Amino acid sequence: MLHGFASASEAPPAMRWQWLEAAHVLGQNSLHLHWRSHLAMLRYAWALRDLRECLGQLLRLALVPLGHLLARLPAGNTGRAHVNAFKPMAPADEMAALIDLALSGALRPPPTGGA
């Protein structure tokens, strides 16, 4: 998902945020991936000069280890500053499709070298 975000550098910000939100939803159960998704969100918010989002991501980066330690992770939460950090969410249809697309590519077996 973070690769999708990086490869969509010319896409509108709303589309790039969708990649980051999907990365958050998928990586939420892994401390490392969860942390990386919020760090990427912070960096992108900084690049956009979005102070509110930057502050929200700093708060979430502080909460990530605590959430994992206490096993209190709101499933499906997009990780953005405009949503409650503790609220479980059902992924929107667009996000679910993006996640399915990414997973189908990630699960595809590598090509074989025969012929």
C-alpha atoms as a PDB file:
ATOM      1  CA  MET A   1       0.000   0.000   0.000  1.00  0.00           C
ATOM      2  CA  LEU A   2       2.833   2.398   0.778  1.00  0.00           C
ATOM      3  CA  HIS A   3       4.343   1.472  -2.584  1.00  0.00           C
ATOM      4  CA  GLY A   4       1.022   2.424  -4.202  1.00  0.00           C
ATOM      5  CA  PHE A   5       1.163   5.762  -2.404  1.00  0.00           C
ATOM      6  CA  ALA A   6       4.725   6.381  -3.579  1.00  0.00           C
ATOM      7  CA  SER A   7       4.006   5.365  -7.167  1.00  0.00           C
ATOM      8  CA  ALA A   8       0.970   7.678  -7.293  1.00  0.00           C
ATOM      9  CA  SER A   9       3.064  10.816  -6.788  1.00  0.00           C
ATOM     10  CA  GLU A  10       1.222  12.659  -9.578  1.00  0.00           C
ATOM     11  CA  ALA A  11      -2.244  11.681  -8.299  1.00  0.00           C
ATOM     12  CA  PRO A  12      -4.485  14.188  -6.508  1.00  0.00           C
ATOM     13  CA  PRO A  13      -3.986  14.362  -2.719  1.00  0.00           C
ATOM     14  CA  ALA A  14      -7.345  12.684  -2.028  1.00  0.00           C
ATOM     15  CA  MET A  15      -6.246   9.576  -3.951  1.00  0.00           C
ATOM     16  CA  ARG A  16      -2.868   9.513  -2.252  1.00  0.00           C
ATOM     17  CA  TRP A  17      -4.581   9.746   1.146  1.00  0.00           C
ATOM     18  CA  GLN A  18      -6.686   6.706   0.190  1.00  0.00           C
ATOM     19  CA  TRP A  19      -3.488   4.687  -0.293  1.00  0.00           C
ATOM     20  CA  LEU A  20      -2.203   5.780   3.116  1.00  0.00           C
ATOM     21  CA  GLU A  21      -5.529   5.050   4.807  1.00  0.00           C
ATOM     22  CA  ALA A  22      -5.618   1.589   3.228  1.00  0.00           C
ATOM     23  CA  ALA A  23      -2.031   0.993   4.396  1.00  0.00           C
ATOM     24  CA  HIS A  24      -3.150   1.919   7.898  1.00  0.00           C
ATOM     25  CA  VAL A  25      -6.124  -0.435   7.840  1.00  0.00           C
ATOM     26  CA  LEU A  26      -4.004  -3.333   6.559  1.00  0.00           C
ATOM     27  CA  GLY A  27      -1.000  -2.674   8.780  1.00  0.00           C
ATOM     28  CA  GLN A  28      -2.855  -1.938  11.974  1.00  0.00           C
ATOM     29  CA  ASN A  29      -2.215  -5.372  13.509  1.00  0.00           C
ATOM     30  CA  SER A  30       1.561  -5.082  13.098  1.00  0.00           C
ATOM     31  CA  LEU A  31       3.351  -2.557  15.309  1.00  0.00           C
ATOM     32  CA  HIS A  32       5.976  -1.951  12.623  1.00  0.00           C
ATOM     33  CA  LEU A  33       3.522  -1.488   9.737  1.00  0.00           C
ATOM     34  CA  HIS A  34       1.120   0.539  11.882  1.00  0.00           C
ATOM     35  CA  TRP A  35       3.948   2.890  12.898  1.00  0.00           C
ATOM     36  CA  ARG A  36       5.138   3.181   9.279  1.00  0.00           C
ATOM     37  CA  SER A  37       1.660   4.092   8.042  1.00  0.00           C
ATOM     38  CA  HIS A  38       1.361   6.941  10.557  1.00  0.00           C
ATOM     39  CA  LEU A  39       4.895   8.119   9.807  1.00  0.00           C
ATOM     40  CA  ALA A  40       4.056   8.210   6.088  1.00  0.00           C
ATOM     41  CA  MET A  41       0.868  10.140   6.907  1.00  0.00           C
ATOM     42  CA  LEU A  42       2.867  12.627   8.968  1.00  0.00           C
ATOM     43  CA  ARG A  43       5.385  13.129   6.174  1.00  0.00           C
ATOM     44  CA  TYR A  44       2.644  13.621   3.588  1.00  0.00           C
ATOM     45  CA  ALA A  45       0.736  16.036   5.825  1.00  0.00           C
ATOM     46  CA  TRP A  46       3.987  17.964   6.308  1.00  0.00           C
ATOM     47  CA  ALA A  47       4.556  18.092   2.541  1.00  0.00           C
ATOM     48  CA  LEU A  48       1.018  19.449   2.137  1.00  0.00           C
ATOM     49  CA  ARG A  49       1.585  21.907   5.003  1.00  0.00           C
ATOM     50  CA  ASP A  50      -1.512  20.523   6.753  1.00  0.00           C
ATOM     51  CA  LEU A  51      -0.860  21.485  10.374  1.00  0.00           C
ATOM     52  CA  ARG A  52      -4.013  19.845  11.737  1.00  0.00           C
ATOM     53  CA  GLU A  53      -3.124  16.533  10.106  1.00  0.00           C
ATOM     54  CA  CYS A  54       0.504  16.820  11.285  1.00  0.00           C
ATOM     55  CA  LEU A  55      -0.616  17.297  14.882  1.00  0.00           C
ATOM     56  CA  GLY A  56      -3.087  14.432  14.568  1.00  0.00           C
ATOM     57  CA  GLN A  57      -0.383  12.134  13.234  1.00  0.00           C
ATOM     58  CA  LEU A  58       2.032  13.090  16.010  1.00  0.00           C
ATOM     59  CA  LEU A  59      -0.659  12.143  18.538  1.00  0.00           C
ATOM     60  CA  ARG A  60      -1.316   8.863  16.745  1.00  0.00           C
ATOM     61  CA  LEU A  61       2.396   8.028  16.582  1.00  0.00           C
ATOM     62  CA  ALA A  62       2.471   8.436  20.362  1.00  0.00           C
ATOM     63  CA  LEU A  63      -0.603   6.195  20.726  1.00  0.00           C
ATOM     64  CA  VAL A  64       0.555   3.368  18.425  1.00  0.00           C
ATOM     65  CA  PRO A  65       2.816   1.579  20.956  1.00  0.00           C
ATOM     66  CA  LEU A  66       0.232   1.986  23.714  1.00  0.00           C
ATOM     67  CA  GLY A  67      -2.545   0.630  21.506  1.00  0.00           C
ATOM     68  CA  HIS A  68      -0.481  -2.449  20.692  1.00  0.00           C
ATOM     69  CA  LEU A  69       0.594  -2.948  24.298  1.00  0.00           C
ATOM     70  CA  LEU A  70      -3.014  -2.815  25.511  1.00  0.00           C
ATOM     71  CA  ALA A  71      -4.401  -4.590  22.416  1.00  0.00           C
ATOM     72  CA  ARG A  72      -6.793  -1.672  21.867  1.00  0.00           C
ATOM     73  CA  LEU A  73      -6.750  -1.132  18.110  1.00  0.00           C
ATOM     74  CA  PRO A  74      -9.967   0.093  16.459  1.00  0.00           C
ATOM     75  CA  ALA A  75     -10.414  -2.228  13.465  1.00  0.00           C
ATOM     76  CA  GLY A  76     -10.876  -0.496  10.138  1.00  0.00           C
ATOM     77  CA  ASN A  77      -9.986   2.954  11.467  1.00  0.00           C
ATOM     78  CA  THR A  78      -8.407   5.003   8.672  1.00  0.00           C
ATOM     79  CA  GLY A  79      -5.864   6.691  10.941  1.00  0.00           C
ATOM     80  CA  ARG A  80      -6.555  10.243   9.771  1.00  0.00           C
ATOM     81  CA  ALA A  81      -6.744  13.247  12.078  1.00  0.00           C
ATOM     82  CA  HIS A  82     -10.363  13.971  11.147  1.00  0.00           C
ATOM     83  CA  VAL A  83     -11.596  10.650  12.591  1.00  0.00           C
ATOM     84  CA  ASN A  84     -11.718   9.590  16.222  1.00  0.00           C
ATOM     85  CA  ALA A  85      -8.521   7.643  16.948  1.00  0.00           C
ATOM     86  CA  PHE A  86     -10.438   5.122  19.048  1.00  0.00           C
ATOM     87  CA  LYS A  87     -13.428   4.480  16.742  1.00  0.00           C
ATOM     88  CA  PRO A  88     -13.684   1.175  14.849  1.00  0.00           C
ATOM     89  CA  MET A  89     -14.835   1.715  11.264  1.00  0.00           C
ATOM     90  CA  ALA A  90     -16.096  -0.369   8.373  1.00  0.00           C
ATOM     91  CA  PRO A  91     -13.942   0.272   5.301  1.00  0.00           C
ATOM     92  CA  ALA A  92     -15.691   2.313   2.608  1.00  0.00           C
ATOM     93  CA  ASP A  93     -16.348   0.506  -0.682  1.00  0.00           C
ATOM     94  CA  GLU A  94     -13.549   2.415  -2.439  1.00  0.00           C
ATOM     95  CA  MET A  95     -11.054   1.481   0.265  1.00  0.00           C
ATOM     96  CA  ALA A  96     -12.155  -2.156   0.289  1.00  0.00           C
ATOM     97  CA  ALA A  97     -11.652  -2.287  -3.489  1.00  0.00           C
ATOM     98  CA  LEU A  98      -8.205  -0.704  -3.173  1.00  0.00           C
ATOM     99  CA  ILE A  99      -7.228  -3.204  -0.469  1.00  0.00           C
ATOM    100  CA  ASP A 100      -8.520  -6.117  -2.566  1.00  0.00           C
ATOM    101  CA  LEU A 101      -6.559  -4.862  -5.563  1.00  0.00           C
ATOM    102  CA  ALA A 102      -3.360  -4.559  -3.539  1.00  0.00           C
ATOM    103  CA  LEU A 103      -3.800  -7.946  -1.903  1.00  0.00           C
ATOM    104  CA  SER A 104      -4.451  -9.679  -5.197  1.00  0.00           C
ATOM    105  CA  GLY A 105      -1.185  -8.262  -6.532  1.00  0.00           C
ATOM    106  CA  ALA A 106       0.716  -9.075  -3.349  1.00  0.00           C
ATOM    107  CA  LEU A 107      -0.548 -12.645  -3.303  1.00  0.00           C
ATOM    108  CA  ARG A 108       0.141 -13.345  -6.968  1.00  0.00           C
ATOM    109  CA  PRO A 109       2.859 -16.001  -7.328  1.00  0.00           C
ATOM    110  CA  PRO A 110       6.142 -14.830  -8.853  1.00  0.00           C
ATOM    111  CA  PRO A 111       6.575 -15.606 -12.557  1.00  0.00           C
ATOM    112  CA  THR A 112       8.475 -18.754 -13.407  1.00  0.00           C
ATOM    113  CA  GLY A 113      11.468 -18.656 -15.695  1.00  0.00           C
ATOM    114  CA  GLY A 114      10.522 -21.488 -18.045  1.00  0.00           C
ATOM    115  CA  ALA A 115       9.614 -21.514 -21.767  1.00  0.00           C
END
